[in-house]
Amino acid sequence: MERKFFLIKPEVAGNIADSDFIERSARPPVIKKLRYQFDGWSGDDLITSIATFIVTKRLREAIEGEGMTGVSFADVETFTSDQFKELYGEKQLPKFYWMQITGELGKDDFSMSPKHRLVVSSTALDLLKHFHVSNADIEPYEN
């Protein structure tokens, strides 16, 4: 049976901060240390900015618990902008982790398309649907 894959465009809740840690000459840019600034947040467990993805602690634990392939995790420093504080006051963010995509397209549960978009297997998508990803655009991925 052929595995099915899906393209996911997660919510953009802010942006990568501190360009001192980004090698912009590479495509996609190589990030040595991730700092993510939240300008807003609707509560999704998976968010993005420029071919970079972060996930809540609970989603990370589920991905690892299910033994999903093509992904590893690292620390991310998160903070909120003045805009976030104006919109949400002192709303506290959960713990997030940098989801680093290492998978091979068409083989692993998590991979990147040639255009640096997140691609997930149907197994990974089934898991993601148990979490808050309502602001993500999801469509079938065709090579």
N, C-alpha and C. Protein backbone atom coordinates (compact mmCIF):
# COMPACT_ATOMS: atom_id res chain seq x y z
N MET A 1 0.84 -1.18 0.00
CA MET A 1 0.00 0.00 0.00
C MET A 1 0.89 1.25 0.00
N GLU A 2 0.61 2.17 -0.90
CA GLU A 2 1.39 3.40 -1.00
C GLU A 2 0.99 4.37 0.12
N ARG A 3 2.00 4.93 0.77
CA ARG A 3 1.73 5.90 1.84
C ARG A 3 1.27 7.22 1.24
N LYS A 4 0.38 7.88 1.95
CA LYS A 4 -0.09 9.19 1.53
C LYS A 4 0.60 10.26 2.37
N PHE A 5 0.81 11.41 1.74
CA PHE A 5 1.48 12.52 2.41
C PHE A 5 0.67 13.80 2.23
N PHE A 6 0.87 14.72 3.17
CA PHE A 6 0.10 15.96 3.18
C PHE A 6 1.02 17.15 3.43
N LEU A 7 0.69 18.23 2.76
CA LEU A 7 1.40 19.50 2.93
C LEU A 7 0.67 20.27 4.02
N ILE A 8 1.42 20.74 5.01
CA ILE A 8 0.82 21.51 6.10
C ILE A 8 1.46 22.89 6.15
N LYS A 9 0.61 23.89 6.18
CA LYS A 9 1.06 25.27 6.35
C LYS A 9 0.51 25.75 7.69
N PRO A 10 1.33 25.62 8.76
CA PRO A 10 0.86 25.97 10.10
C PRO A 10 0.64 27.48 10.28
N GLU A 11 0.01 27.78 11.39
CA GLU A 11 -0.20 29.17 11.80
C GLU A 11 1.14 29.88 11.93
N VAL A 12 1.19 31.13 11.49
CA VAL A 12 2.34 32.00 11.73
C VAL A 12 1.93 32.90 12.89
N ALA A 13 2.52 32.69 14.05
CA ALA A 13 2.15 33.45 15.24
C ALA A 13 3.15 34.54 15.58
N GLY A 14 4.20 34.64 14.80
CA GLY A 14 5.23 35.63 15.06
C GLY A 14 6.35 35.45 14.06
N ASN A 15 7.56 35.63 14.53
CA ASN A 15 8.70 35.50 13.62
C ASN A 15 9.96 35.14 14.37
N ILE A 16 10.95 34.74 13.59
CA ILE A 16 12.26 34.42 14.14
C ILE A 16 12.94 35.73 14.52
N ALA A 17 13.48 35.77 15.70
CA ALA A 17 14.15 36.97 16.18
C ALA A 17 15.65 36.74 16.24
N ASP A 18 16.39 37.80 16.26
CA ASP A 18 17.84 37.79 16.43
C ASP A 18 18.55 37.16 15.24
N SER A 19 18.72 37.94 14.21
CA SER A 19 19.33 37.46 12.97
C SER A 19 20.81 37.12 13.12
N ASP A 20 21.42 37.41 14.27
CA ASP A 20 22.81 37.04 14.48
C ASP A 20 23.02 35.53 14.43
N PHE A 21 21.95 34.77 14.64
CA PHE A 21 22.03 33.32 14.68
C PHE A 21 21.54 32.67 13.38
N ILE A 22 21.38 33.46 12.31
CA ILE A 22 20.85 32.95 11.06
C ILE A 22 21.86 33.15 9.93
N GLU A 23 22.12 32.06 9.21
CA GLU A 23 22.97 32.13 8.02
C GLU A 23 22.04 32.26 6.81
N ARG A 24 21.85 33.50 6.36
CA ARG A 24 20.86 33.79 5.33
C ARG A 24 21.30 33.41 3.91
N SER A 25 22.58 33.15 3.70
CA SER A 25 23.03 32.80 2.35
C SER A 25 22.58 31.40 1.94
N ALA A 26 22.25 30.55 2.90
CA ALA A 26 21.78 29.19 2.62
C ALA A 26 20.28 29.23 2.33
N ARG A 27 19.77 28.24 1.57
CA ARG A 27 18.34 28.12 1.29
C ARG A 27 17.87 26.73 1.65
N PRO A 28 16.99 26.53 2.63
CA PRO A 28 16.48 27.61 3.47
C PRO A 28 17.58 28.13 4.39
N PRO A 29 17.36 29.29 5.00
CA PRO A 29 18.37 29.83 5.91
C PRO A 29 18.70 28.83 7.02
N VAL A 30 19.97 28.78 7.41
CA VAL A 30 20.40 27.88 8.49
C VAL A 30 20.34 28.65 9.80
N ILE A 31 19.62 28.09 10.74
CA ILE A 31 19.44 28.73 12.04
C ILE A 31 20.27 27.98 13.06
N LYS A 32 21.16 28.71 13.73
CA LYS A 32 22.06 28.08 14.70
C LYS A 32 21.46 28.05 16.10
N LYS A 33 20.65 29.05 16.42
CA LYS A 33 19.96 29.12 17.70
C LYS A 33 18.63 29.78 17.41
N LEU A 34 17.54 29.17 17.87
CA LEU A 34 16.23 29.70 17.54
C LEU A 34 15.64 30.51 18.68
N ARG A 35 15.26 31.73 18.32
CA ARG A 35 14.51 32.63 19.21
C ARG A 35 13.25 33.01 18.45
N TYR A 36 12.10 32.76 19.03
CA TYR A 36 10.82 33.00 18.35
C TYR A 36 10.04 34.05 19.12
N GLN A 37 9.69 35.12 18.40
CA GLN A 37 8.90 36.21 19.00
C GLN A 37 7.44 36.04 18.62
N PHE A 38 6.57 35.93 19.62
CA PHE A 38 5.13 35.82 19.39
C PHE A 38 4.52 37.21 19.29
N ASP A 39 3.80 37.44 18.17
CA ASP A 39 3.04 38.68 18.00
C ASP A 39 1.56 38.44 18.26
N GLY A 40 1.16 37.19 18.18
CA GLY A 40 -0.20 36.74 18.42
C GLY A 40 -0.13 35.23 18.60
N TRP A 41 -1.23 34.62 18.98
CA TRP A 41 -1.25 33.17 19.07
C TRP A 41 -2.67 32.71 19.34
N SER A 42 -3.18 31.89 18.45
CA SER A 42 -4.56 31.40 18.59
C SER A 42 -4.64 30.10 19.37
N GLY A 43 -3.50 29.58 19.78
CA GLY A 43 -3.49 28.36 20.59
C GLY A 43 -3.06 27.10 19.86
N ASP A 44 -2.65 27.22 18.59
CA ASP A 44 -2.22 26.01 17.86
C ASP A 44 -0.97 25.40 18.50
N ASP A 45 -0.90 24.06 18.43
CA ASP A 45 0.24 23.33 18.97
C ASP A 45 1.42 23.29 18.01
N LEU A 46 1.20 23.65 16.76
CA LEU A 46 2.24 23.65 15.72
C LEU A 46 2.19 25.01 15.04
N ILE A 47 3.32 25.74 15.07
CA ILE A 47 3.38 27.04 14.40
C ILE A 47 4.67 27.14 13.60
N THR A 48 4.75 28.16 12.76
CA THR A 48 5.87 28.27 11.84
C THR A 48 6.33 29.71 11.65
N SER A 49 7.48 29.83 11.05
CA SER A 49 8.01 31.09 10.51
C SER A 49 9.22 30.74 9.66
N ILE A 50 9.20 31.08 8.40
CA ILE A 50 10.31 30.89 7.46
C ILE A 50 10.93 29.50 7.54
N ALA A 51 10.21 28.48 7.11
CA ALA A 51 10.69 27.10 7.06
C ALA A 51 11.21 26.59 8.40
N THR A 52 10.68 27.14 9.48
CA THR A 52 11.03 26.74 10.83
C THR A 52 9.74 26.45 11.59
N PHE A 53 9.78 25.42 12.42
CA PHE A 53 8.57 24.99 13.10
C PHE A 53 8.82 24.84 14.59
N ILE A 54 7.84 25.24 15.39
CA ILE A 54 7.92 24.98 16.82
C ILE A 54 6.62 24.32 17.25
N VAL A 55 6.72 23.49 18.28
CA VAL A 55 5.58 22.74 18.78
C VAL A 55 5.52 22.85 20.30
N THR A 56 4.31 22.68 20.82
CA THR A 56 4.14 22.67 22.27
C THR A 56 4.78 21.41 22.84
N LYS A 57 5.03 21.47 24.12
CA LYS A 57 5.61 20.32 24.82
C LYS A 57 4.72 19.09 24.67
N ARG A 58 3.41 19.27 24.78
CA ARG A 58 2.50 18.12 24.70
C ARG A 58 2.52 17.48 23.32
N LEU A 59 2.67 18.28 22.25
CA LEU A 59 2.76 17.70 20.91
C LEU A 59 4.10 16.99 20.73
N ARG A 60 5.16 17.59 21.22
CA ARG A 60 6.47 16.93 21.14
C ARG A 60 6.41 15.55 21.80
N GLU A 61 5.85 15.50 23.00
CA GLU A 61 5.78 14.24 23.73
C GLU A 61 4.97 13.19 22.95
N ALA A 62 3.91 13.61 22.29
CA ALA A 62 3.09 12.67 21.52
C ALA A 62 3.85 12.16 20.29
N ILE A 63 4.54 13.07 19.59
CA ILE A 63 5.32 12.66 18.41
C ILE A 63 6.40 11.66 18.81
N GLU A 64 7.10 11.95 19.89
CA GLU A 64 8.14 11.03 20.36
C GLU A 64 7.54 9.73 20.86
N GLY A 65 6.41 9.81 21.55
CA GLY A 65 5.76 8.63 22.10
C GLY A 65 5.28 7.67 21.02
N GLU A 66 4.92 8.23 19.87
CA GLU A 66 4.46 7.40 18.74
C GLU A 66 5.60 6.94 17.86
N GLY A 67 6.83 7.38 18.15
CA GLY A 67 7.99 6.96 17.37
C GLY A 67 8.00 7.48 15.94
N MET A 68 7.46 8.67 15.75
CA MET A 68 7.43 9.27 14.41
C MET A 68 8.86 9.48 13.90
N THR A 69 9.04 9.36 12.58
CA THR A 69 10.37 9.49 11.99
C THR A 69 10.52 10.83 11.27
N GLY A 70 11.79 11.24 11.10
CA GLY A 70 12.09 12.44 10.33
C GLY A 70 12.04 13.73 11.12
N VAL A 71 12.13 13.62 12.42
CA VAL A 71 12.02 14.81 13.26
C VAL A 71 12.87 14.66 14.51
N SER A 72 13.46 15.76 14.93
CA SER A 72 14.14 15.82 16.23
C SER A 72 13.76 17.15 16.86
N PHE A 73 14.12 17.31 18.11
CA PHE A 73 13.69 18.51 18.83
C PHE A 73 14.87 19.17 19.52
N ALA A 74 14.80 20.48 19.64
CA ALA A 74 15.82 21.27 20.33
C ALA A 74 15.11 22.39 21.08
N ASP A 75 15.85 23.04 21.93
CA ASP A 75 15.28 24.14 22.69
C ASP A 75 15.03 25.34 21.80
N VAL A 76 14.04 26.12 22.16
CA VAL A 76 13.75 27.39 21.51
C VAL A 76 13.46 28.40 22.61
N GLU A 77 13.97 29.59 22.43
CA GLU A 77 13.67 30.67 23.36
C GLU A 77 12.47 31.42 22.79
N THR A 78 11.40 31.52 23.56
CA THR A 78 10.22 32.24 23.11
C THR A 78 10.01 33.47 23.98
N PHE A 79 9.47 34.51 23.36
CA PHE A 79 9.12 35.72 24.09
C PHE A 79 8.02 36.43 23.33
N THR A 80 7.38 37.38 23.95
CA THR A 80 6.25 38.06 23.34
C THR A 80 6.60 39.51 23.00
N SER A 81 6.00 39.99 21.92
CA SER A 81 6.21 41.37 21.47
C SER A 81 5.26 42.31 22.20
N ASP A 82 5.46 43.59 22.00
CA ASP A 82 4.54 44.59 22.56
C ASP A 82 3.14 44.39 21.99
N GLN A 83 3.06 44.04 20.70
CA GLN A 83 1.77 43.78 20.07
C GLN A 83 1.04 42.64 20.78
N PHE A 84 1.76 41.56 21.10
CA PHE A 84 1.17 40.42 21.81
C PHE A 84 0.62 40.88 23.15
N LYS A 85 1.41 41.67 23.87
CA LYS A 85 0.99 42.15 25.20
C LYS A 85 -0.23 43.05 25.11
N GLU A 86 -0.33 43.86 24.04
CA GLU A 86 -1.51 44.70 23.85
C GLU A 86 -2.75 43.84 23.57
N LEU A 87 -2.58 42.77 22.81
CA LEU A 87 -3.71 41.91 22.45
C LEU A 87 -4.13 40.98 23.57
N TYR A 88 -3.15 40.42 24.29
CA TYR A 88 -3.43 39.35 25.25
C TYR A 88 -3.06 39.66 26.69
N GLY A 89 -2.55 40.83 26.95
CA GLY A 89 -2.14 41.16 28.32
C GLY A 89 -0.98 40.29 28.74
N GLU A 90 -1.12 39.68 29.87
CA GLU A 90 -0.04 38.85 30.43
C GLU A 90 -0.28 37.36 30.18
N LYS A 91 -0.98 37.02 29.09
CA LYS A 91 -1.24 35.61 28.75
C LYS A 91 0.08 34.85 28.72
N GLN A 92 0.10 33.71 29.39
CA GLN A 92 1.30 32.88 29.46
C GLN A 92 1.30 31.86 28.32
N LEU A 93 2.44 31.71 27.70
CA LEU A 93 2.61 30.71 26.65
C LEU A 93 3.05 29.38 27.26
N PRO A 94 2.65 28.26 26.66
CA PRO A 94 3.17 26.98 27.12
C PRO A 94 4.63 26.82 26.69
N LYS A 95 5.26 25.78 27.15
CA LYS A 95 6.63 25.46 26.74
C LYS A 95 6.60 24.99 25.29
N PHE A 96 7.47 25.57 24.48
CA PHE A 96 7.60 25.18 23.07
C PHE A 96 8.97 24.58 22.83
N TYR A 97 9.05 23.77 21.76
CA TYR A 97 10.31 23.19 21.31
C TYR A 97 10.46 23.42 19.82
N TRP A 98 11.69 23.55 19.39
CA TRP A 98 12.04 23.68 17.98
C TRP A 98 11.93 22.30 17.36
N MET A 99 11.06 22.13 16.38
CA MET A 99 10.89 20.87 15.68
C MET A 99 11.77 20.91 14.43
N GLN A 100 12.84 20.16 14.46
CA GLN A 100 13.80 20.15 13.36
C GLN A 100 13.47 18.98 12.43
N ILE A 101 13.22 19.32 11.18
CA ILE A 101 12.80 18.32 10.20
C ILE A 101 14.04 17.72 9.54
N THR A 102 14.18 16.40 9.69
CA THR A 102 15.35 15.69 9.19
C THR A 102 14.98 14.58 8.21
N GLY A 103 13.69 14.40 7.96
CA GLY A 103 13.23 13.26 7.19
C GLY A 103 13.41 13.35 5.70
N GLU A 104 13.32 12.18 5.08
CA GLU A 104 13.40 12.05 3.63
C GLU A 104 11.99 12.10 3.06
N LEU A 105 11.79 12.97 2.08
CA LEU A 105 10.49 13.17 1.46
C LEU A 105 9.97 11.85 0.87
N GLY A 106 8.73 11.52 1.20
CA GLY A 106 8.12 10.30 0.67
C GLY A 106 8.46 9.04 1.45
N LYS A 107 9.25 9.20 2.50
CA LYS A 107 9.66 8.03 3.28
C LYS A 107 9.33 8.20 4.77
N ASP A 108 9.71 9.35 5.34
CA ASP A 108 9.53 9.57 6.77
C ASP A 108 8.20 10.26 7.08
N ASP A 109 7.84 10.24 8.38
CA ASP A 109 6.60 10.88 8.82
C ASP A 109 6.65 12.40 8.69
N PHE A 110 7.83 12.98 8.86
CA PHE A 110 8.02 14.42 8.72
C PHE A 110 9.16 14.68 7.74
N SER A 111 8.92 15.57 6.77
CA SER A 111 9.95 15.93 5.80
C SER A 111 9.63 17.31 5.25
N MET A 112 10.49 17.78 4.36
CA MET A 112 10.31 19.09 3.73
C MET A 112 10.18 18.90 2.22
N SER A 113 9.29 19.67 1.62
CA SER A 113 9.15 19.67 0.17
C SER A 113 10.32 20.45 -0.44
N PRO A 114 10.53 20.34 -1.75
CA PRO A 114 11.59 21.14 -2.38
C PRO A 114 11.43 22.65 -2.17
N LYS A 115 10.20 23.09 -1.89
CA LYS A 115 9.95 24.52 -1.63
C LYS A 115 9.98 24.84 -0.13
N HIS A 116 10.55 23.92 0.66
CA HIS A 116 10.75 24.12 2.10
C HIS A 116 9.44 24.22 2.88
N ARG A 117 8.47 23.42 2.48
CA ARG A 117 7.18 23.33 3.17
C ARG A 117 7.14 22.02 3.95
N LEU A 118 6.40 22.02 5.04
CA LEU A 118 6.29 20.83 5.88
C LEU A 118 5.38 19.79 5.22
N VAL A 119 5.90 18.56 5.11
CA VAL A 119 5.15 17.44 4.57
C VAL A 119 5.08 16.37 5.65
N VAL A 120 3.86 15.85 5.87
CA VAL A 120 3.69 14.80 6.89
C VAL A 120 2.98 13.60 6.28
N SER A 121 3.25 12.44 6.85
CA SER A 121 2.57 11.21 6.43
C SER A 121 1.14 11.22 6.96
N SER A 122 0.32 10.33 6.44
CA SER A 122 -1.05 10.22 6.94
C SER A 122 -1.05 9.81 8.41
N THR A 123 -0.07 9.03 8.82
CA THR A 123 0.05 8.63 10.23
C THR A 123 0.31 9.85 11.11
N ALA A 124 1.23 10.72 10.67
CA ALA A 124 1.52 11.94 11.43
C ALA A 124 0.32 12.88 11.42
N LEU A 125 -0.36 12.97 10.30
CA LEU A 125 -1.54 13.83 10.23
C LEU A 125 -2.61 13.35 11.19
N ASP A 126 -2.83 12.04 11.27
CA ASP A 126 -3.81 11.50 12.21
C ASP A 126 -3.46 11.91 13.64
N LEU A 127 -2.18 11.89 13.98
CA LEU A 127 -1.75 12.31 15.31
C LEU A 127 -2.01 13.81 15.50
N LEU A 128 -1.62 14.61 14.51
CA LEU A 128 -1.79 16.07 14.62
C LEU A 128 -3.25 16.46 14.81
N LYS A 129 -4.15 15.70 14.23
CA LYS A 129 -5.58 16.01 14.34
C LYS A 129 -6.12 15.87 15.76
N HIS A 130 -5.35 15.24 16.64
CA HIS A 130 -5.73 15.13 18.05
C HIS A 130 -5.27 16.35 18.86
N PHE A 131 -4.65 17.29 18.17
CA PHE A 131 -4.13 18.50 18.80
C PHE A 131 -4.75 19.72 18.14
N HIS A 132 -4.46 20.88 18.67
CA HIS A 132 -5.01 22.11 18.12
C HIS A 132 -4.14 22.57 16.96
N VAL A 133 -4.63 22.33 15.75
CA VAL A 133 -3.95 22.79 14.53
C VAL A 133 -4.99 23.40 13.58
N SER A 134 -6.03 23.99 14.16
CA SER A 134 -7.16 24.47 13.36
C SER A 134 -6.80 25.63 12.44
N ASN A 135 -5.70 26.31 12.67
CA ASN A 135 -5.30 27.42 11.81
C ASN A 135 -4.32 27.00 10.73
N ALA A 136 -4.02 25.72 10.66
CA ALA A 136 -3.11 25.19 9.63
C ALA A 136 -3.91 24.86 8.37
N ASP A 137 -3.33 25.17 7.22
CA ASP A 137 -3.89 24.73 5.94
C ASP A 137 -3.30 23.36 5.63
N ILE A 138 -4.15 22.40 5.31
CA ILE A 138 -3.71 21.03 5.05
C ILE A 138 -4.26 20.60 3.70
N GLU A 139 -3.38 20.06 2.86
CA GLU A 139 -3.81 19.58 1.55
C GLU A 139 -2.97 18.37 1.17
N PRO A 140 -3.50 17.49 0.30
CA PRO A 140 -2.71 16.34 -0.15
C PRO A 140 -1.42 16.83 -0.82
N TYR A 141 -0.34 16.08 -0.62
CA TYR A 141 0.93 16.43 -1.25
C TYR A 141 1.17 15.49 -2.42
N GLU A 142 1.42 16.07 -3.56
CA GLU A 142 1.75 15.30 -4.77
C GLU A 142 3.16 15.65 -5.18
N ASN A 143 3.99 14.64 -5.41
CA ASN A 143 5.39 14.90 -5.84
C ASN A 143 5.43 15.54 -7.20
